[in-house]
Amino acid sequence: MGAINPPAVERFWSKVDRSGGPDACWPWLGGLGRGGYGRFWYVGRNVPAHRFAYRLAHGPLAPDECVRHLVCDNPPCCNERHLARGDTAANIADRDGKERQSRGERQPHAKLTQSAADDIRRRYASGGVSQQTLANEYGVSQVLISKVVRGQNWR
């Protein structure tokens, strides 16, 4: 993206709610994409709204750079005060440090609970039941039971 033309800037900001003031989240009011991030159509491309907001305030980004939501962790937020430049490793560290990654029972498609995983480990360690028997009982695959038993899942 080269220089941004004024009509595009005006169109962009018309889709952002800045009514909360300079320190509040400025949510994107237009269409949202995967993960709840705003999407803005610019020069024939659908670009992330928070990246566009960051670019307006701080200049261009390299293709491998991320724009991280450091203050609010709110995907549709376009307040440049809440955004920071970074790389993928820093973005992942932010996510993990703030426990934004769904794990365990918080995972929407989880088939087990932490107590079930603990029960599976205890019963398998006692030697009285096979992985396949546990898989049948809990309605999951033997492969998942194996991962639970070895501590690869449900640590």
N, C-alpha and C. Protein backbone atom coordinates (compact mmCIF):
# COMPACT_ATOMS: atom_id res chain seq x y z
N MET A 1 0.84 -1.18 0.00
CA MET A 1 0.00 0.00 0.00
C MET A 1 0.89 1.24 0.00
N GLY A 2 0.68 2.11 -0.93
CA GLY A 2 1.42 3.37 -0.99
C GLY A 2 0.77 4.40 -0.08
N ALA A 3 0.83 5.66 -0.49
CA ALA A 3 0.19 6.73 0.28
C ALA A 3 -1.32 6.49 0.31
N ILE A 4 -1.91 6.75 1.45
CA ILE A 4 -3.34 6.51 1.62
C ILE A 4 -4.09 7.77 1.24
N ASN A 5 -5.07 7.63 0.35
CA ASN A 5 -5.81 8.81 -0.11
C ASN A 5 -6.82 9.26 0.95
N PRO A 6 -7.05 10.58 1.07
CA PRO A 6 -7.95 11.12 2.10
C PRO A 6 -9.35 10.53 2.11
N PRO A 7 -9.99 10.28 0.94
CA PRO A 7 -11.33 9.67 1.01
C PRO A 7 -11.32 8.30 1.70
N ALA A 8 -10.26 7.53 1.49
CA ALA A 8 -10.18 6.22 2.15
C ALA A 8 -10.03 6.39 3.66
N VAL A 9 -9.24 7.37 4.07
CA VAL A 9 -9.07 7.63 5.50
C VAL A 9 -10.40 8.03 6.11
N GLU A 10 -11.12 8.91 5.45
CA GLU A 10 -12.42 9.35 5.94
C GLU A 10 -13.40 8.18 6.02
N ARG A 11 -13.39 7.35 4.98
CA ARG A 11 -14.28 6.17 4.96
C ARG A 11 -13.92 5.22 6.09
N PHE A 12 -12.61 5.03 6.32
CA PHE A 12 -12.16 4.15 7.41
C PHE A 12 -12.69 4.66 8.76
N TRP A 13 -12.40 5.93 9.08
CA TRP A 13 -12.78 6.44 10.40
C TRP A 13 -14.29 6.53 10.58
N SER A 14 -15.05 6.57 9.48
CA SER A 14 -16.52 6.58 9.61
C SER A 14 -17.03 5.24 10.13
N LYS A 15 -16.19 4.22 10.08
CA LYS A 15 -16.58 2.88 10.54
C LYS A 15 -15.99 2.54 11.91
N VAL A 16 -15.45 3.56 12.61
CA VAL A 16 -14.85 3.35 13.92
C VAL A 16 -15.57 4.23 14.93
N ASP A 17 -15.97 3.65 16.05
CA ASP A 17 -16.63 4.40 17.12
C ASP A 17 -15.57 4.94 18.07
N ARG A 18 -15.29 6.24 17.96
CA ARG A 18 -14.30 6.90 18.81
C ARG A 18 -14.96 7.72 19.92
N SER A 19 -16.23 7.49 20.16
CA SER A 19 -17.00 8.32 21.10
C SER A 19 -16.55 8.18 22.55
N GLY A 20 -15.85 7.11 22.90
CA GLY A 20 -15.42 6.90 24.28
C GLY A 20 -14.24 7.75 24.70
N GLY A 21 -13.64 8.44 23.78
CA GLY A 21 -12.50 9.29 24.12
C GLY A 21 -11.18 8.66 23.73
N PRO A 22 -10.09 9.40 23.94
CA PRO A 22 -8.78 8.97 23.42
C PRO A 22 -8.21 7.70 24.06
N ASP A 23 -8.64 7.35 25.27
CA ASP A 23 -8.08 6.18 25.93
C ASP A 23 -8.97 4.95 25.86
N ALA A 24 -10.19 5.12 25.37
CA ALA A 24 -11.14 4.00 25.30
C ALA A 24 -10.86 3.13 24.08
N CYS A 25 -11.45 1.96 24.08
CA CYS A 25 -11.43 1.14 22.87
C CYS A 25 -12.23 1.87 21.80
N TRP A 26 -11.74 1.77 20.58
CA TRP A 26 -12.45 2.32 19.44
C TRP A 26 -12.88 1.15 18.56
N PRO A 27 -14.06 0.60 18.82
CA PRO A 27 -14.47 -0.60 18.08
C PRO A 27 -14.78 -0.32 16.61
N TRP A 28 -14.41 -1.28 15.79
CA TRP A 28 -14.71 -1.28 14.37
C TRP A 28 -16.19 -1.59 14.21
N LEU A 29 -16.90 -0.78 13.46
CA LEU A 29 -18.34 -0.94 13.27
C LEU A 29 -18.70 -1.65 11.97
N GLY A 30 -17.71 -1.85 11.11
CA GLY A 30 -17.94 -2.53 9.84
C GLY A 30 -17.90 -4.04 10.01
N GLY A 31 -17.70 -4.72 8.90
CA GLY A 31 -17.67 -6.18 8.91
C GLY A 31 -16.52 -6.74 9.71
N LEU A 32 -16.77 -7.89 10.32
CA LEU A 32 -15.75 -8.57 11.11
C LEU A 32 -15.35 -9.86 10.41
N GLY A 33 -14.10 -10.22 10.57
CA GLY A 33 -13.58 -11.46 10.01
C GLY A 33 -13.33 -12.46 11.12
N ARG A 34 -12.51 -13.43 10.79
CA ARG A 34 -12.15 -14.50 11.71
C ARG A 34 -11.57 -13.92 12.99
N GLY A 35 -12.00 -14.42 14.12
CA GLY A 35 -11.48 -13.98 15.40
C GLY A 35 -12.07 -12.66 15.87
N GLY A 36 -13.04 -12.11 15.14
CA GLY A 36 -13.66 -10.86 15.55
C GLY A 36 -12.90 -9.61 15.15
N TYR A 37 -11.89 -9.76 14.30
CA TYR A 37 -11.11 -8.61 13.84
C TYR A 37 -11.85 -7.89 12.71
N GLY A 38 -11.82 -6.54 12.75
CA GLY A 38 -12.45 -5.75 11.71
C GLY A 38 -11.78 -5.96 10.37
N ARG A 39 -12.56 -5.86 9.31
CA ARG A 39 -12.03 -5.98 7.94
C ARG A 39 -12.44 -4.73 7.16
N PHE A 40 -11.46 -4.15 6.45
CA PHE A 40 -11.67 -2.91 5.71
C PHE A 40 -11.24 -3.11 4.27
N TRP A 41 -12.13 -2.78 3.33
CA TRP A 41 -11.82 -2.92 1.91
C TRP A 41 -11.03 -1.71 1.46
N TYR A 42 -9.79 -1.96 1.00
CA TYR A 42 -8.93 -0.86 0.57
C TYR A 42 -8.09 -1.31 -0.62
N VAL A 43 -8.16 -0.58 -1.69
CA VAL A 43 -7.40 -0.82 -2.92
C VAL A 43 -7.53 -2.29 -3.36
N GLY A 44 -8.77 -2.75 -3.41
CA GLY A 44 -9.04 -4.09 -3.92
C GLY A 44 -8.67 -5.21 -2.98
N ARG A 45 -8.37 -4.88 -1.72
CA ARG A 45 -7.99 -5.91 -0.74
C ARG A 45 -8.79 -5.73 0.54
N ASN A 46 -9.06 -6.83 1.18
CA ASN A 46 -9.73 -6.82 2.47
C ASN A 46 -8.63 -6.86 3.53
N VAL A 47 -8.38 -5.73 4.20
CA VAL A 47 -7.26 -5.63 5.14
C VAL A 47 -7.78 -5.58 6.58
N PRO A 48 -6.99 -6.08 7.54
CA PRO A 48 -7.39 -5.99 8.94
C PRO A 48 -7.49 -4.53 9.38
N ALA A 49 -8.61 -4.16 9.98
CA ALA A 49 -8.86 -2.77 10.37
C ALA A 49 -7.84 -2.27 11.38
N HIS A 50 -7.44 -3.11 12.33
CA HIS A 50 -6.48 -2.64 13.33
C HIS A 50 -5.10 -2.38 12.71
N ARG A 51 -4.73 -3.15 11.70
CA ARG A 51 -3.46 -2.88 10.98
C ARG A 51 -3.55 -1.56 10.21
N PHE A 52 -4.71 -1.31 9.61
CA PHE A 52 -4.90 -0.07 8.87
C PHE A 52 -4.83 1.12 9.83
N ALA A 53 -5.48 1.01 11.00
CA ALA A 53 -5.44 2.08 12.00
C ALA A 53 -4.01 2.33 12.45
N TYR A 54 -3.27 1.25 12.68
CA TYR A 54 -1.88 1.40 13.12
C TYR A 54 -1.07 2.11 12.04
N ARG A 55 -1.28 1.72 10.81
CA ARG A 55 -0.55 2.33 9.70
C ARG A 55 -0.86 3.82 9.58
N LEU A 56 -2.10 4.20 9.76
CA LEU A 56 -2.46 5.61 9.70
C LEU A 56 -1.70 6.42 10.76
N ALA A 57 -1.54 5.83 11.94
CA ALA A 57 -0.89 6.55 13.04
C ALA A 57 0.63 6.47 13.01
N HIS A 58 1.18 5.34 12.56
CA HIS A 58 2.61 5.10 12.73
C HIS A 58 3.37 4.77 11.45
N GLY A 59 2.68 4.67 10.34
CA GLY A 59 3.36 4.37 9.09
C GLY A 59 3.27 2.90 8.72
N PRO A 60 3.86 2.57 7.56
CA PRO A 60 3.75 1.20 7.02
C PRO A 60 4.40 0.14 7.91
N LEU A 61 3.90 -1.05 7.74
CA LEU A 61 4.42 -2.24 8.42
C LEU A 61 5.06 -3.16 7.40
N ALA A 62 6.04 -3.91 7.83
CA ALA A 62 6.59 -4.96 6.97
C ALA A 62 5.56 -6.09 6.92
N PRO A 63 5.53 -6.84 5.82
CA PRO A 63 4.54 -7.92 5.69
C PRO A 63 4.60 -8.95 6.82
N ASP A 64 5.77 -9.16 7.41
CA ASP A 64 5.91 -10.16 8.47
C ASP A 64 5.66 -9.58 9.87
N GLU A 65 5.31 -8.31 9.97
CA GLU A 65 5.05 -7.70 11.27
C GLU A 65 3.59 -7.87 11.66
N CYS A 66 3.36 -7.99 12.94
CA CYS A 66 2.01 -8.08 13.50
C CYS A 66 1.67 -6.75 14.16
N VAL A 67 0.39 -6.49 14.31
CA VAL A 67 -0.09 -5.40 15.14
C VAL A 67 -0.79 -6.07 16.31
N ARG A 68 -0.26 -5.84 17.51
CA ARG A 68 -0.74 -6.50 18.72
C ARG A 68 -1.65 -5.56 19.50
N HIS A 69 -2.70 -6.11 20.06
CA HIS A 69 -3.59 -5.36 20.96
C HIS A 69 -3.02 -5.49 22.37
N LEU A 70 -2.22 -4.54 22.79
CA LEU A 70 -1.55 -4.65 24.08
C LEU A 70 -2.40 -4.18 25.25
N VAL A 71 -3.20 -3.16 25.05
CA VAL A 71 -3.93 -2.57 26.17
C VAL A 71 -5.24 -3.31 26.44
N CYS A 72 -5.97 -3.60 25.38
CA CYS A 72 -7.35 -4.06 25.57
C CYS A 72 -7.61 -5.51 25.19
N ASP A 73 -6.79 -6.11 24.38
CA ASP A 73 -7.05 -7.47 23.88
C ASP A 73 -8.44 -7.58 23.25
N ASN A 74 -8.87 -6.51 22.59
CA ASN A 74 -10.20 -6.44 21.99
C ASN A 74 -10.02 -6.44 20.47
N PRO A 75 -10.26 -7.57 19.79
CA PRO A 75 -9.97 -7.66 18.36
C PRO A 75 -10.52 -6.54 17.48
N PRO A 76 -11.75 -6.03 17.71
CA PRO A 76 -12.23 -4.97 16.81
C PRO A 76 -11.69 -3.58 17.15
N CYS A 77 -10.89 -3.43 18.22
CA CYS A 77 -10.39 -2.11 18.62
C CYS A 77 -9.40 -1.56 17.60
N CYS A 78 -9.60 -0.28 17.25
CA CYS A 78 -8.74 0.42 16.28
C CYS A 78 -8.05 1.63 16.90
N ASN A 79 -8.01 1.73 18.22
CA ASN A 79 -7.34 2.85 18.87
C ASN A 79 -5.83 2.62 18.81
N GLU A 80 -5.13 3.51 18.10
CA GLU A 80 -3.68 3.31 17.94
C GLU A 80 -2.94 3.32 19.26
N ARG A 81 -3.53 3.89 20.32
CA ARG A 81 -2.89 3.86 21.64
C ARG A 81 -2.92 2.46 22.26
N HIS A 82 -3.80 1.62 21.77
CA HIS A 82 -3.92 0.26 22.27
C HIS A 82 -3.10 -0.74 21.45
N LEU A 83 -2.51 -0.27 20.36
CA LEU A 83 -1.85 -1.16 19.41
C LEU A 83 -0.34 -0.99 19.45
N ALA A 84 0.37 -2.08 19.16
CA ALA A 84 1.83 -2.03 19.10
C ALA A 84 2.33 -2.95 18.00
N ARG A 85 3.42 -2.56 17.42
CA ARG A 85 4.08 -3.35 16.38
C ARG A 85 4.83 -4.50 17.04
N GLY A 86 4.90 -5.62 16.34
CA GLY A 86 5.66 -6.75 16.86
C GLY A 86 5.78 -7.83 15.82
N ASP A 87 6.42 -8.92 16.21
CA ASP A 87 6.53 -10.07 15.31
C ASP A 87 5.64 -11.19 15.83
N THR A 88 5.61 -12.27 15.11
CA THR A 88 4.74 -13.39 15.48
C THR A 88 5.10 -13.94 16.85
N ALA A 89 6.39 -14.04 17.15
CA ALA A 89 6.81 -14.58 18.45
C ALA A 89 6.29 -13.71 19.60
N ALA A 90 6.37 -12.39 19.44
CA ALA A 90 5.87 -11.49 20.47
C ALA A 90 4.35 -11.60 20.60
N ASN A 91 3.66 -11.75 19.49
CA ASN A 91 2.21 -11.89 19.51
C ASN A 91 1.80 -13.18 20.23
N ILE A 92 2.50 -14.26 19.97
CA ILE A 92 2.22 -15.53 20.63
C ILE A 92 2.53 -15.44 22.12
N ALA A 93 3.63 -14.77 22.46
CA ALA A 93 3.98 -14.58 23.87
C ALA A 93 2.90 -13.78 24.59
N ASP A 94 2.37 -12.73 23.93
CA ASP A 94 1.26 -11.96 24.51
C ASP A 94 0.06 -12.87 24.77
N ARG A 95 -0.31 -13.64 23.75
CA ARG A 95 -1.46 -14.54 23.85
C ARG A 95 -1.29 -15.52 25.01
N ASP A 96 -0.15 -16.17 25.06
CA ASP A 96 0.08 -17.18 26.09
C ASP A 96 0.19 -16.56 27.48
N GLY A 97 0.84 -15.39 27.57
CA GLY A 97 0.99 -14.72 28.85
C GLY A 97 -0.34 -14.26 29.43
N LYS A 98 -1.28 -13.97 28.56
CA LYS A 98 -2.59 -13.50 29.01
C LYS A 98 -3.64 -14.60 28.96
N GLU A 99 -3.19 -15.82 28.68
CA GLU A 99 -4.05 -17.01 28.64
C GLU A 99 -5.28 -16.79 27.75
N ARG A 100 -5.04 -16.23 26.55
CA ARG A 100 -6.14 -16.03 25.61
C ARG A 100 -6.39 -17.28 24.78
N GLN A 101 -5.48 -18.23 24.79
CA GLN A 101 -5.65 -19.47 24.03
C GLN A 101 -6.59 -20.38 24.81
N SER A 102 -7.64 -20.84 24.17
CA SER A 102 -8.56 -21.76 24.82
C SER A 102 -7.88 -23.09 25.02
N ARG A 103 -7.85 -23.53 26.26
CA ARG A 103 -7.25 -24.82 26.59
C ARG A 103 -8.20 -25.58 27.50
N GLY A 104 -8.05 -26.90 27.49
CA GLY A 104 -8.83 -27.72 28.39
C GLY A 104 -10.32 -27.56 28.20
N GLU A 105 -11.02 -27.41 29.30
CA GLU A 105 -12.48 -27.32 29.28
C GLU A 105 -12.97 -26.05 28.58
N ARG A 106 -12.12 -25.03 28.47
CA ARG A 106 -12.52 -23.79 27.79
C ARG A 106 -12.52 -23.96 26.27
N GLN A 107 -11.91 -25.02 25.78
CA GLN A 107 -11.89 -25.30 24.34
C GLN A 107 -13.31 -25.67 23.92
N PRO A 108 -13.87 -24.97 22.93
CA PRO A 108 -15.27 -25.21 22.56
C PRO A 108 -15.61 -26.65 22.17
N HIS A 109 -14.65 -27.37 21.62
CA HIS A 109 -14.93 -28.73 21.15
C HIS A 109 -14.37 -29.81 22.08
N ALA A 110 -14.03 -29.44 23.30
CA ALA A 110 -13.45 -30.40 24.25
C ALA A 110 -14.44 -31.53 24.52
N LYS A 111 -13.93 -32.75 24.51
CA LYS A 111 -14.79 -33.90 24.78
C LYS A 111 -14.56 -34.44 26.18
N LEU A 112 -13.54 -33.93 26.85
CA LEU A 112 -13.24 -34.37 28.20
C LEU A 112 -13.22 -33.16 29.13
N THR A 113 -13.27 -33.44 30.41
CA THR A 113 -13.06 -32.41 31.43
C THR A 113 -11.73 -32.72 32.11
N GLN A 114 -11.24 -31.77 32.89
CA GLN A 114 -9.99 -32.02 33.61
C GLN A 114 -10.15 -33.19 34.58
N SER A 115 -11.30 -33.28 35.24
CA SER A 115 -11.51 -34.39 36.18
C SER A 115 -11.55 -35.73 35.44
N ALA A 116 -12.11 -35.75 34.23
CA ALA A 116 -12.12 -36.99 33.43
C ALA A 116 -10.69 -37.38 33.05
N ALA A 117 -9.88 -36.40 32.65
CA ALA A 117 -8.49 -36.69 32.29
C ALA A 117 -7.72 -37.23 33.48
N ASP A 118 -7.95 -36.63 34.65
CA ASP A 118 -7.28 -37.12 35.88
C ASP A 118 -7.72 -38.55 36.18
N ASP A 119 -9.02 -38.83 36.01
CA ASP A 119 -9.55 -40.17 36.24
C ASP A 119 -8.95 -41.17 35.26
N ILE A 120 -8.84 -40.77 34.00
CA ILE A 120 -8.25 -41.64 32.97
C ILE A 120 -6.81 -42.00 33.35
N ARG A 121 -6.02 -41.01 33.72
CA ARG A 121 -4.62 -41.27 34.11
C ARG A 121 -4.54 -42.21 35.31
N ARG A 122 -5.35 -41.93 36.31
CA ARG A 122 -5.33 -42.74 37.54
C ARG A 122 -5.72 -44.19 37.24
N ARG A 123 -6.80 -44.37 36.50
CA ARG A 123 -7.27 -45.72 36.22
C ARG A 123 -6.31 -46.49 35.32
N TYR A 124 -5.73 -45.80 34.34
CA TYR A 124 -4.79 -46.49 33.44
C TYR A 124 -3.52 -46.86 34.19
N ALA A 125 -3.05 -45.96 35.06
CA ALA A 125 -1.82 -46.22 35.82
C ALA A 125 -2.00 -47.40 36.78
N SER A 126 -3.22 -47.63 37.24
CA SER A 126 -3.45 -48.75 38.17
C SER A 126 -3.34 -50.10 37.46
N GLY A 127 -3.36 -50.08 36.11
CA GLY A 127 -3.16 -51.30 35.34
C GLY A 127 -4.40 -52.13 35.11
N GLY A 128 -5.53 -51.68 35.58
CA GLY A 128 -6.73 -52.50 35.49
C GLY A 128 -7.60 -52.26 34.27
N VAL A 129 -7.22 -51.30 33.41
CA VAL A 129 -8.09 -50.97 32.29
C VAL A 129 -7.25 -50.58 31.08
N SER A 130 -7.71 -50.97 29.90
CA SER A 130 -6.97 -50.65 28.66
C SER A 130 -7.35 -49.26 28.15
N GLN A 131 -6.50 -48.72 27.30
CA GLN A 131 -6.80 -47.44 26.67
C GLN A 131 -8.07 -47.52 25.84
N GLN A 132 -8.28 -48.62 25.14
CA GLN A 132 -9.47 -48.76 24.30
C GLN A 132 -10.74 -48.80 25.15
N THR A 133 -10.68 -49.46 26.30
CA THR A 133 -11.83 -49.50 27.19
C THR A 133 -12.16 -48.10 27.68
N LEU A 134 -11.13 -47.34 28.05
CA LEU A 134 -11.34 -45.96 28.49
C LEU A 134 -11.90 -45.10 27.36
N ALA A 135 -11.37 -45.31 26.15
CA ALA A 135 -11.85 -44.56 24.99
C ALA A 135 -13.34 -44.83 24.76
N ASN A 136 -13.72 -46.09 24.83
CA ASN A 136 -15.13 -46.45 24.64
C ASN A 136 -16.00 -45.83 25.73
N GLU A 137 -15.53 -45.88 26.96
CA GLU A 137 -16.29 -45.35 28.09
C GLU A 137 -16.50 -43.83 27.98
N TYR A 138 -15.47 -43.11 27.53
CA TYR A 138 -15.54 -41.65 27.46
C TYR A 138 -15.97 -41.13 26.09
N GLY A 139 -16.17 -42.03 25.13
CA GLY A 139 -16.64 -41.63 23.81
C GLY A 139 -15.62 -40.85 23.00
N VAL A 140 -14.35 -41.22 23.17
CA VAL A 140 -13.26 -40.57 22.44
C VAL A 140 -12.40 -41.66 21.81
N SER A 141 -11.40 -41.25 21.04
CA SER A 141 -10.53 -42.23 20.38
C SER A 141 -9.46 -42.75 21.35
N GLN A 142 -8.94 -43.91 21.01
CA GLN A 142 -7.83 -44.48 21.79
C GLN A 142 -6.61 -43.58 21.68
N VAL A 143 -6.44 -42.91 20.54
CA VAL A 143 -5.31 -42.00 20.35
C VAL A 143 -5.37 -40.85 21.36
N LEU A 144 -6.57 -40.30 21.57
CA LEU A 144 -6.72 -39.22 22.56
C LEU A 144 -6.41 -39.74 23.96
N ILE A 145 -6.89 -40.94 24.30
CA ILE A 145 -6.59 -41.52 25.61
C ILE A 145 -5.09 -41.67 25.77
N SER A 146 -4.41 -42.15 24.73
CA SER A 146 -2.95 -42.30 24.78
C SER A 146 -2.27 -40.97 25.06
N LYS A 147 -2.74 -39.90 24.41
CA LYS A 147 -2.15 -38.58 24.62
C LYS A 147 -2.40 -38.08 26.04
N VAL A 148 -3.57 -38.36 26.57
CA VAL A 148 -3.88 -37.96 27.95
C VAL A 148 -2.98 -38.71 28.92
N VAL A 149 -2.84 -40.01 28.72
CA VAL A 149 -2.03 -40.85 29.59
C VAL A 149 -0.56 -40.41 29.57
N ARG A 150 -0.06 -40.04 28.38
CA ARG A 150 1.35 -39.63 28.25
C ARG A 150 1.57 -38.16 28.60
N GLY A 151 0.51 -37.43 28.92
CA GLY A 151 0.65 -36.03 29.31
C GLY A 151 0.78 -35.06 28.15
N GLN A 152 0.47 -35.51 26.92
CA GLN A 152 0.52 -34.62 25.77
C GLN A 152 -0.74 -33.74 25.69
N ASN A 153 -1.85 -34.25 26.19
CA ASN A 153 -3.09 -33.48 26.29
C ASN A 153 -3.53 -33.49 27.75
N TRP A 154 -4.20 -32.48 28.16
CA TRP A 154 -4.73 -32.37 29.52
C TRP A 154 -3.62 -32.54 30.54
N ARG A 155 -2.60 -31.70 30.44
CA ARG A 155 -1.43 -31.80 31.33
C ARG A 155 -1.81 -31.60 32.79
